[in-house]
Amino acid sequence: GGAPVQCGWLTDRFGVSWQIVPRMMDEWMRTGTAGQV
């Protein structure tokens, strides 16, 4: 009974929101150029 949302977000069957993201996302965001990000 969960529901997918967008951008790695979902809501589980209890209504709790989760983000399921790649571990490397933080590194990409910190080290990437403006174009890469």
PDB file of all heavy atoms in Angstrom:
ATOM      1  N   GLY A   1       0.761  -1.246   0.000  1.00  0.00           N
ATOM      2  CA  GLY A   1       0.000   0.000   0.000  1.00  0.00           C
ATOM      3  C   GLY A   1       0.787   1.289   0.000  1.00  0.00           C
ATOM      4  O   GLY A   1       0.198   2.361   0.112  1.00  0.00           O
ATOM      5  N   GLY A   2       2.104   1.242  -0.135  1.00  0.00           N
ATOM      6  CA  GLY A   2       2.871   2.473  -0.256  1.00  0.00           C
ATOM      7  C   GLY A   2       2.639   3.118  -1.612  1.00  0.00           C
ATOM      8  O   GLY A   2       2.028   2.519  -2.502  1.00  0.00           O
ATOM      9  N   ALA A   3       3.122   4.347  -1.777  1.00  0.00           N
ATOM     10  CA  ALA A   3       2.937   5.064  -3.039  1.00  0.00           C
ATOM     11  C   ALA A   3       4.228   5.769  -3.447  1.00  0.00           C
ATOM     12  O   ALA A   3       4.803   6.509  -2.655  1.00  0.00           O
ATOM     13  CB  ALA A   3       1.811   6.093  -2.907  1.00  0.00           C
ATOM     14  N   PRO A   4       4.673   5.542  -4.695  1.00  0.00           N
ATOM     15  CA  PRO A   4       5.836   6.275  -5.177  1.00  0.00           C
ATOM     16  C   PRO A   4       5.477   7.739  -5.376  1.00  0.00           C
ATOM     17  O   PRO A   4       4.325   8.067  -5.667  1.00  0.00           O
ATOM     18  CB  PRO A   4       6.160   5.595  -6.508  1.00  0.00           C
ATOM     19  CG  PRO A   4       4.898   4.941  -6.938  1.00  0.00           C
ATOM     20  CD  PRO A   4       4.111   4.645  -5.692  1.00  0.00           C
ATOM     21  N   VAL A   5       6.443   8.611  -5.207  1.00  0.00           N
ATOM     22  CA  VAL A   5       6.192  10.050  -5.395  1.00  0.00           C
ATOM     23  C   VAL A   5       7.022  10.523  -6.583  1.00  0.00           C
ATOM     24  O   VAL A   5       6.579  10.422  -7.716  1.00  0.00           O
ATOM     25  CB  VAL A   5       6.485  10.852  -4.106  1.00  0.00           C
ATOM     26  CG1 VAL A   5       6.185  12.326  -4.295  1.00  0.00           C
ATOM     27  CG2 VAL A   5       5.667  10.298  -2.940  1.00  0.00           C
ATOM     28  N   GLN A   6       8.219  11.010  -6.357  1.00  0.00           N
ATOM     29  CA  GLN A   6       9.096  11.505  -7.409  1.00  0.00           C
ATOM     30  C   GLN A   6      10.478  11.702  -6.811  1.00  0.00           C
ATOM     31  O   GLN A   6      10.634  11.888  -5.602  1.00  0.00           O
ATOM     32  CB  GLN A   6       8.573  12.846  -7.956  1.00  0.00           C
ATOM     33  CG  GLN A   6       9.403  13.430  -9.072  1.00  0.00           C
ATOM     34  CD  GLN A   6       8.901  14.786  -9.541  1.00  0.00           C
ATOM     35  OE1 GLN A   6       7.964  15.333  -8.994  1.00  0.00           O
ATOM     36  NE2 GLN A   6       9.537  15.322 -10.544  1.00  0.00           N
ATOM     37  N   CYS A   7      11.486  11.666  -7.668  1.00  0.00           N
ATOM     38  CA  CYS A   7      12.867  11.997  -7.274  1.00  0.00           C
ATOM     39  C   CYS A   7      13.387  11.132  -6.138  1.00  0.00           C
ATOM     40  O   CYS A   7      14.105  11.615  -5.263  1.00  0.00           O
ATOM     41  CB  CYS A   7      12.979  13.460  -6.876  1.00  0.00           C
ATOM     42  SG  CYS A   7      12.422  14.614  -8.106  1.00  0.00           S
ATOM     43  N   GLY A   8      13.008   9.851  -6.111  1.00  0.00           N
ATOM     44  CA  GLY A   8      13.474   8.968  -5.061  1.00  0.00           C
ATOM     45  C   GLY A   8      12.640   8.998  -3.799  1.00  0.00           C
ATOM     46  O   GLY A   8      12.976   8.350  -2.818  1.00  0.00           O
ATOM     47  N   TRP A   9      11.548   9.742  -3.807  1.00  0.00           N
ATOM     48  CA  TRP A   9      10.667   9.831  -2.639  1.00  0.00           C
ATOM     49  C   TRP A   9       9.527   8.842  -2.775  1.00  0.00           C
ATOM     50  O   TRP A   9       9.033   8.577  -3.870  1.00  0.00           O
ATOM     51  CB  TRP A   9      10.055  11.226  -2.530  1.00  0.00           C
ATOM     52  CG  TRP A   9      11.019  12.293  -2.146  1.00  0.00           C
ATOM     53  CD1 TRP A   9      12.127  12.689  -2.839  1.00  0.00           C
ATOM     54  CD2 TRP A   9      10.961  13.123  -0.993  1.00  0.00           C
ATOM     55  NE1 TRP A   9      12.748  13.704  -2.183  1.00  0.00           N
ATOM     56  CE2 TRP A   9      12.058  14.003  -1.045  1.00  0.00           C
ATOM     57  CE3 TRP A   9      10.090  13.206   0.079  1.00  0.00           C
ATOM     58  CZ2 TRP A   9      12.304  14.952  -0.075  1.00  0.00           C
ATOM     59  CZ3 TRP A   9      10.322  14.158   1.044  1.00  0.00           C
ATOM     60  CH2 TRP A   9      11.432  15.014   0.965  1.00  0.00           C
ATOM     61  N   LEU A  10       9.085   8.327  -1.631  1.00  0.00           N
ATOM     62  CA  LEU A  10       7.903   7.486  -1.586  1.00  0.00           C
ATOM     63  C   LEU A  10       7.226   7.673  -0.232  1.00  0.00           C
ATOM     64  O   LEU A  10       7.825   8.199   0.704  1.00  0.00           O
ATOM     65  CB  LEU A  10       8.267   6.007  -1.811  1.00  0.00           C
ATOM     66  CG  LEU A  10       9.182   5.325  -0.790  1.00  0.00           C
ATOM     67  CD1 LEU A  10       8.396   4.754   0.389  1.00  0.00           C
ATOM     68  CD2 LEU A  10       9.958   4.217  -1.460  1.00  0.00           C
ATOM     69  N   THR A  11       5.984   7.255  -0.179  1.00  0.00           N
ATOM     70  CA  THR A  11       5.241   7.222   1.078  1.00  0.00           C
ATOM     71  C   THR A  11       4.898   5.768   1.353  1.00  0.00           C
ATOM     72  O   THR A  11       4.342   5.091   0.481  1.00  0.00           O
ATOM     73  CB  THR A  11       3.949   8.068   0.983  1.00  0.00           C
ATOM     74  OG1 THR A  11       4.310   9.395   0.622  1.00  0.00           O
ATOM     75  CG2 THR A  11       3.203   8.084   2.296  1.00  0.00           C
ATOM     76  N   ASP A  12       5.243   5.276   2.527  1.00  0.00           N
ATOM     77  CA  ASP A  12       4.963   3.868   2.828  1.00  0.00           C
ATOM     78  C   ASP A  12       3.499   3.685   3.235  1.00  0.00           C
ATOM     79  O   ASP A  12       2.727   4.645   3.313  1.00  0.00           O
ATOM     80  CB  ASP A  12       5.944   3.315   3.867  1.00  0.00           C
ATOM     81  CG  ASP A  12       5.758   3.862   5.282  1.00  0.00           C
ATOM     82  OD1 ASP A  12       4.683   4.400   5.607  1.00  0.00           O
ATOM     83  OD2 ASP A  12       6.702   3.732   6.073  1.00  0.00           O
ATOM     84  N   ARG A  13       3.120   2.454   3.494  1.00  0.00           N
ATOM     85  CA  ARG A  13       1.709   2.140   3.799  1.00  0.00           C
ATOM     86  C   ARG A  13       1.223   2.801   5.087  1.00  0.00           C
ATOM     87  O   ARG A  13       0.020   2.890   5.320  1.00  0.00           O
ATOM     88  CB  ARG A  13       1.516   0.634   3.879  1.00  0.00           C
ATOM     89  CG  ARG A  13       2.162  -0.017   5.085  1.00  0.00           C
ATOM     90  CD  ARG A  13       1.964  -1.517   5.056  1.00  0.00           C
ATOM     91  NE  ARG A  13       2.364  -2.125   6.304  1.00  0.00           N
ATOM     92  CZ  ARG A  13       2.805  -3.356   6.402  1.00  0.00           C
ATOM     93  NH1 ARG A  13       2.899  -4.104   5.320  1.00  0.00           N
ATOM     94  NH2 ARG A  13       3.134  -3.842   7.574  1.00  0.00           N
ATOM     95  N   PHE A  14       2.127   3.254   5.939  1.00  0.00           N
ATOM     96  CA  PHE A  14       1.748   3.926   7.183  1.00  0.00           C
ATOM     97  C   PHE A  14       1.662   5.444   7.010  1.00  0.00           C
ATOM     98  O   PHE A  14       1.299   6.146   7.944  1.00  0.00           O
ATOM     99  CB  PHE A  14       2.749   3.585   8.294  1.00  0.00           C
ATOM    100  CG  PHE A  14       2.856   2.103   8.543  1.00  0.00           C
ATOM    101  CD1 PHE A  14       3.949   1.390   8.086  1.00  0.00           C
ATOM    102  CD2 PHE A  14       1.855   1.419   9.217  1.00  0.00           C
ATOM    103  CE1 PHE A  14       4.054   0.025   8.301  1.00  0.00           C
ATOM    104  CE2 PHE A  14       1.944   0.054   9.435  1.00  0.00           C
ATOM    105  CZ  PHE A  14       3.051  -0.648   8.967  1.00  0.00           C
ATOM    106  N   GLY A  15       2.058   5.938   5.827  1.00  0.00           N
ATOM    107  CA  GLY A  15       2.022   7.371   5.561  1.00  0.00           C
ATOM    108  C   GLY A  15       3.332   8.087   5.809  1.00  0.00           C
ATOM    109  O   GLY A  15       3.409   9.304   5.678  1.00  0.00           O
ATOM    110  N   VAL A  16       4.394   7.347   6.168  1.00  0.00           N
ATOM    111  CA  VAL A  16       5.698   7.946   6.430  1.00  0.00           C
ATOM    112  C   VAL A  16       6.417   8.177   5.102  1.00  0.00           C
ATOM    113  O   VAL A  16       6.436   7.298   4.237  1.00  0.00           O
ATOM    114  CB  VAL A  16       6.542   7.046   7.359  1.00  0.00           C
ATOM    115  CG1 VAL A  16       7.949   7.610   7.549  1.00  0.00           C
ATOM    116  CG2 VAL A  16       5.836   6.871   8.699  1.00  0.00           C
ATOM    117  N   SER A  17       7.023   9.350   4.935  1.00  0.00           N
ATOM    118  CA  SER A  17       7.760   9.693   3.723  1.00  0.00           C
ATOM    119  C   SER A  17       9.220   9.266   3.843  1.00  0.00           C
ATOM    120  O   SER A  17       9.849   9.463   4.885  1.00  0.00           O
ATOM    121  CB  SER A  17       7.705  11.197   3.471  1.00  0.00           C
ATOM    122  OG  SER A  17       6.398  11.597   3.140  1.00  0.00           O
ATOM    123  N   TRP A  18       9.733   8.719   2.752  1.00  0.00           N
ATOM    124  CA  TRP A  18      11.110   8.234   2.673  1.00  0.00           C
ATOM    125  C   TRP A  18      11.758   8.759   1.408  1.00  0.00           C
ATOM    126  O   TRP A  18      11.081   8.936   0.394  1.00  0.00           O
ATOM    127  CB  TRP A  18      11.140   6.705   2.613  1.00  0.00           C
ATOM    128  CG  TRP A  18      10.603   6.019   3.818  1.00  0.00           C
ATOM    129  CD1 TRP A  18       9.282   5.808   4.143  1.00  0.00           C
ATOM    130  CD2 TRP A  18      11.364   5.422   4.873  1.00  0.00           C
ATOM    131  NE1 TRP A  18       9.186   5.132   5.327  1.00  0.00           N
ATOM    132  CE2 TRP A  18      10.449   4.873   5.790  1.00  0.00           C
ATOM    133  CE3 TRP A  18      12.728   5.285   5.117  1.00  0.00           C
ATOM    134  CZ2 TRP A  18      10.857   4.208   6.942  1.00  0.00           C
ATOM    135  CZ3 TRP A  18      13.132   4.622   6.263  1.00  0.00           C
ATOM    136  CH2 TRP A  18      12.199   4.091   7.161  1.00  0.00           C
ATOM    137  N   GLN A  19      13.068   8.964   1.467  1.00  0.00           N
ATOM    138  CA  GLN A  19      13.881   9.259   0.288  1.00  0.00           C
ATOM    139  C   GLN A  19      14.882   8.110   0.149  1.00  0.00           C
ATOM    140  O   GLN A  19      15.640   7.848   1.079  1.00  0.00           O
ATOM    141  CB  GLN A  19      14.667  10.546   0.464  1.00  0.00           C
ATOM    142  CG  GLN A  19      13.827  11.777   0.679  1.00  0.00           C
ATOM    143  CD  GLN A  19      14.728  12.958   0.983  1.00  0.00           C
ATOM    144  OE1 GLN A  19      15.602  13.299   0.208  1.00  0.00           O
ATOM    145  NE2 GLN A  19      14.528  13.561   2.151  1.00  0.00           N
ATOM    146  N   ILE A  20      14.869   7.449  -0.986  1.00  0.00           N
ATOM    147  CA  ILE A  20      15.785   6.340  -1.235  1.00  0.00           C
ATOM    148  C   ILE A  20      16.779   6.834  -2.277  1.00  0.00           C
ATOM    149  O   ILE A  20      16.437   6.975  -3.452  1.00  0.00           O
ATOM    150  CB  ILE A  20      15.030   5.088  -1.735  1.00  0.00           C
ATOM    151  CG1 ILE A  20      13.824   4.773  -0.820  1.00  0.00           C
ATOM    152  CG2 ILE A  20      15.984   3.911  -1.845  1.00  0.00           C
ATOM    153  CD1 ILE A  20      14.178   4.556   0.646  1.00  0.00           C
ATOM    154  N   VAL A  21      17.998   7.137  -1.829  1.00  0.00           N
ATOM    155  CA  VAL A  21      18.959   7.850  -2.680  1.00  0.00           C
ATOM    156  C   VAL A  21      20.308   7.139  -2.750  1.00  0.00           C
ATOM    157  O   VAL A  21      20.721   6.471  -1.803  1.00  0.00           O
ATOM    158  CB  VAL A  21      19.165   9.302  -2.182  1.00  0.00           C
ATOM    159  CG1 VAL A  21      17.882  10.099  -2.252  1.00  0.00           C
ATOM    160  CG2 VAL A  21      19.697   9.311  -0.764  1.00  0.00           C
ATOM    161  N   PRO A  22      21.015   7.319  -3.871  1.00  0.00           N
ATOM    162  CA  PRO A  22      22.363   6.759  -3.975  1.00  0.00           C
ATOM    163  C   PRO A  22      23.306   7.451  -2.987  1.00  0.00           C
ATOM    164  O   PRO A  22      23.254   8.671  -2.814  1.00  0.00           O
ATOM    165  CB  PRO A  22      22.791   7.080  -5.408  1.00  0.00           C
ATOM    166  CG  PRO A  22      21.574   7.515  -6.128  1.00  0.00           C
ATOM    167  CD  PRO A  22      20.597   7.985  -5.100  1.00  0.00           C
ATOM    168  N   ARG A  23      24.150   6.675  -2.359  1.00  0.00           N
ATOM    169  CA  ARG A  23      25.120   7.215  -1.399  1.00  0.00           C
ATOM    170  C   ARG A  23      25.999   8.277  -2.058  1.00  0.00           C
ATOM    171  O   ARG A  23      26.368   9.268  -1.436  1.00  0.00           O
ATOM    172  CB  ARG A  23      25.974   6.075  -0.857  1.00  0.00           C
ATOM    173  CG  ARG A  23      26.999   6.517   0.165  1.00  0.00           C
ATOM    174  CD  ARG A  23      27.566   5.350   0.928  1.00  0.00           C
ATOM    175  NE  ARG A  23      26.500   4.714   1.689  1.00  0.00           N
ATOM    176  CZ  ARG A  23      26.482   3.427   2.003  1.00  0.00           C
ATOM    177  NH1 ARG A  23      27.471   2.635   1.634  1.00  0.00           N
ATOM    178  NH2 ARG A  23      25.485   2.925   2.698  1.00  0.00           N
ATOM    179  N   MET A  24      26.319   8.089  -3.350  1.00  0.00           N
ATOM    180  CA  MET A  24      27.217   9.022  -4.027  1.00  0.00           C
ATOM    181  C   MET A  24      26.562  10.355  -4.387  1.00  0.00           C
ATOM    182  O   MET A  24      27.223  11.278  -4.812  1.00  0.00           O
ATOM    183  CB  MET A  24      27.858   8.376  -5.254  1.00  0.00           C
ATOM    184  CG  MET A  24      26.887   7.935  -6.320  1.00  0.00           C
ATOM    185  SD  MET A  24      25.964   6.403  -5.994  1.00  0.00           S
ATOM    186  CE  MET A  24      27.203   5.171  -5.776  1.00  0.00           C
ATOM    187  N   MET A  25      25.257  10.471  -4.177  1.00  0.00           N
ATOM    188  CA  MET A  25      24.553  11.716  -4.502  1.00  0.00           C
ATOM    189  C   MET A  25      25.157  12.904  -3.744  1.00  0.00           C
ATOM    190  O   MET A  25      25.354  13.978  -4.313  1.00  0.00           O
ATOM    191  CB  MET A  25      23.062  11.593  -4.190  1.00  0.00           C
ATOM    192  CG  MET A  25      22.249  12.780  -4.638  1.00  0.00           C
ATOM    193  SD  MET A  25      22.156  12.888  -6.425  1.00  0.00           S
ATOM    194  CE  MET A  25      20.556  12.203  -6.679  1.00  0.00           C
ATOM    195  N   ASP A  26      25.476  12.714  -2.484  1.00  0.00           N
ATOM    196  CA  ASP A  26      26.063  13.787  -1.687  1.00  0.00           C
ATOM    197  C   ASP A  26      27.390  14.238  -2.279  1.00  0.00           C
ATOM    198  O   ASP A  26      27.650  15.445  -2.403  1.00  0.00           O
ATOM    199  CB  ASP A  26      26.242  13.330  -0.236  1.00  0.00           C
ATOM    200  CG  ASP A  26      26.822  14.417   0.641  1.00  0.00           C
ATOM    201  OD1 ASP A  26      26.215  15.507   0.716  1.00  0.00           O
ATOM    202  OD2 ASP A  26      27.893  14.185   1.249  1.00  0.00           O
ATOM    203  N   GLU A  27      28.226  13.286  -2.662  1.00  0.00           N
ATOM    204  CA  GLU A  27      29.525  13.637  -3.259  1.00  0.00           C
ATOM    205  C   GLU A  27      29.333  14.375  -4.576  1.00  0.00           C
ATOM    206  O   GLU A  27      30.015  15.367  -4.845  1.00  0.00           O
ATOM    207  CB  GLU A  27      30.371  12.378  -3.480  1.00  0.00           C
ATOM    208  CG  GLU A  27      31.729  12.699  -4.081  1.00  0.00           C
ATOM    209  CD  GLU A  27      32.569  11.461  -4.319  1.00  0.00           C
ATOM    210  OE1 GLU A  27      32.317  10.420  -3.692  1.00  0.00           O
ATOM    211  OE2 GLU A  27      33.484  11.551  -5.150  1.00  0.00           O
ATOM    212  N   TRP A  28      28.441  13.878  -5.421  1.00  0.00           N
ATOM    213  CA  TRP A  28      28.179  14.568  -6.693  1.00  0.00           C
ATOM    214  C   TRP A  28      27.737  16.009  -6.455  1.00  0.00           C
ATOM    215  O   TRP A  28      28.189  16.919  -7.139  1.00  0.00           O
ATOM    216  CB  TRP A  28      27.099  13.839  -7.482  1.00  0.00           C
ATOM    217  CG  TRP A  28      27.497  12.513  -8.062  1.00  0.00           C
ATOM    218  CD1 TRP A  28      28.763  12.095  -8.385  1.00  0.00           C
ATOM    219  CD2 TRP A  28      26.624  11.438  -8.387  1.00  0.00           C
ATOM    220  NE1 TRP A  28      28.711  10.825  -8.891  1.00  0.00           N
ATOM    221  CE2 TRP A  28      27.409  10.393  -8.911  1.00  0.00           C
ATOM    222  CE3 TRP A  28      25.255  11.254  -8.293  1.00  0.00           C
ATOM    223  CZ2 TRP A  28      26.879   9.180  -9.340  1.00  0.00           C
ATOM    224  CZ3 TRP A  28      24.715  10.054  -8.708  1.00  0.00           C
ATOM    225  CH2 TRP A  28      25.520   9.027  -9.229  1.00  0.00           C
ATOM    226  N   MET A  29      26.861  16.204  -5.483  1.00  0.00           N
ATOM    227  CA  MET A  29      26.350  17.552  -5.206  1.00  0.00           C
ATOM    228  C   MET A  29      27.448  18.472  -4.661  1.00  0.00           C
ATOM    229  O   MET A  29      27.484  19.647  -4.957  1.00  0.00           O
ATOM    230  CB  MET A  29      25.180  17.484  -4.219  1.00  0.00           C
ATOM    231  CG  MET A  29      23.979  16.718  -4.731  1.00  0.00           C
ATOM    232  SD  MET A  29      23.173  17.498  -6.124  1.00  0.00           S
ATOM    233  CE  MET A  29      22.359  18.833  -5.296  1.00  0.00           C
ATOM    234  N   ARG A  30      28.348  17.927  -3.845  1.00  0.00           N
ATOM    235  CA  ARG A  30      29.417  18.737  -3.239  1.00  0.00           C
ATOM    236  C   ARG A  30      30.569  19.031  -4.195  1.00  0.00           C
ATOM    237  O   ARG A  30      31.154  20.103  -4.139  1.00  0.00           O
ATOM    238  CB  ARG A  30      29.986  18.033  -2.000  1.00  0.00           C
ATOM    239  CG  ARG A  30      29.123  18.117  -0.769  1.00  0.00           C
ATOM    240  CD  ARG A  30      29.786  17.504   0.475  1.00  0.00           C
ATOM    241  NE  ARG A  30      30.046  16.065   0.349  1.00  0.00           N
ATOM    242  CZ  ARG A  30      31.242  15.520   0.123  1.00  0.00           C
ATOM    243  NH1 ARG A  30      32.308  16.265   0.009  1.00  0.00           N
ATOM    244  NH2 ARG A  30      31.383  14.211   0.008  1.00  0.00           N
ATOM    245  N   THR A  31      30.905  18.062  -5.056  1.00  0.00           N
ATOM    246  CA  THR A  31      32.116  18.198  -5.854  1.00  0.00           C
ATOM    247  C   THR A  31      31.867  18.554  -7.315  1.00  0.00           C
ATOM    248  O   THR A  31      32.812  18.898  -8.019  1.00  0.00           O
ATOM    249  CB  THR A  31      32.951  16.899  -5.807  1.00  0.00           C
ATOM    250  OG1 THR A  31      32.197  15.838  -6.420  1.00  0.00           O
ATOM    251  CG2 THR A  31      33.308  16.534  -4.368  1.00  0.00           C
ATOM    252  N   GLY A  32      30.639  18.443  -7.767  1.00  0.00           N
ATOM    253  CA  GLY A  32      30.350  18.681  -9.177  1.00  0.00           C
ATOM    254  C   GLY A  32      30.404  20.157  -9.556  1.00  0.00           C
ATOM    255  O   GLY A  32      30.219  21.039  -8.724  1.00  0.00           O
ATOM    256  N   THR A  33      30.654  20.385 -10.836  1.00  0.00           N
ATOM    257  CA  THR A  33      30.562  21.748 -11.357  1.00  0.00           C
ATOM    258  C   THR A  33      29.089  22.134 -11.413  1.00  0.00           C
ATOM    259  O   THR A  33      28.202  21.282 -11.281  1.00  0.00           O
ATOM    260  CB  THR A  33      31.156  21.820 -12.777  1.00  0.00           C
ATOM    261  OG1 THR A  33      30.326  21.031 -13.651  1.00  0.00           O
ATOM    262  CG2 THR A  33      32.603  21.335 -12.816  1.00  0.00           C
ATOM    263  N   ALA A  34      28.831  23.403 -11.667  1.00  0.00           N
ATOM    264  CA  ALA A  34      27.440  23.859 -11.786  1.00  0.00           C
ATOM    265  C   ALA A  34      26.722  23.093 -12.894  1.00  0.00           C
ATOM    266  O   ALA A  34      25.562  22.699 -12.738  1.00  0.00           O
ATOM    267  CB  ALA A  34      27.396  25.361 -12.041  1.00  0.00           C
ATOM    268  N   GLY A  35      27.403  22.841 -14.002  1.00  0.00           N
ATOM    269  CA  GLY A  35      26.807  22.099 -15.114  1.00  0.00           C
ATOM    270  C   GLY A  35      26.511  20.657 -14.748  1.00  0.00           C
ATOM    271  O   GLY A  35      25.458  20.121 -15.109  1.00  0.00           O
ATOM    272  N   GLN A  36      27.435  20.009 -14.048  1.00  0.00           N
ATOM    273  CA  GLN A  36      27.219  18.625 -13.637  1.00  0.00           C
ATOM    274  C   GLN A  36      26.039  18.513 -12.680  1.00  0.00           C
ATOM    275  O   GLN A  36      25.196  17.619 -12.820  1.00  0.00           O
ATOM    276  CB  GLN A  36      28.481  18.068 -12.972  1.00  0.00           C
ATOM    277  CG  GLN A  36      29.609  17.794 -13.946  1.00  0.00           C
ATOM    278  CD  GLN A  36      30.883  17.394 -13.234  1.00  0.00           C
ATOM    279  OE1 GLN A  36      31.291  18.021 -12.259  1.00  0.00           O
ATOM    280  NE2 GLN A  36      31.521  16.335 -13.732  1.00  0.00           N
ATOM    281  N   VAL A  37      25.977  19.415 -11.729  1.00  0.00           N
ATOM    282  CA  VAL A  37      24.878  19.386 -10.754  1.00  0.00           C
ATOM    283  C   VAL A  37      23.551  19.683 -11.449  1.00  0.00           C
ATOM    284  O   VAL A  37      22.536  19.038 -11.160  1.00  0.00           O
ATOM    285  CB  VAL A  37      25.152  20.348  -9.580  1.00  0.00           C
ATOM    286  CG1 VAL A  37      23.933  20.487  -8.685  1.00  0.00           C
ATOM    287  CG2 VAL A  37      26.372  19.881  -8.780  1.00  0.00           C
TER     288      VAL A  37
END
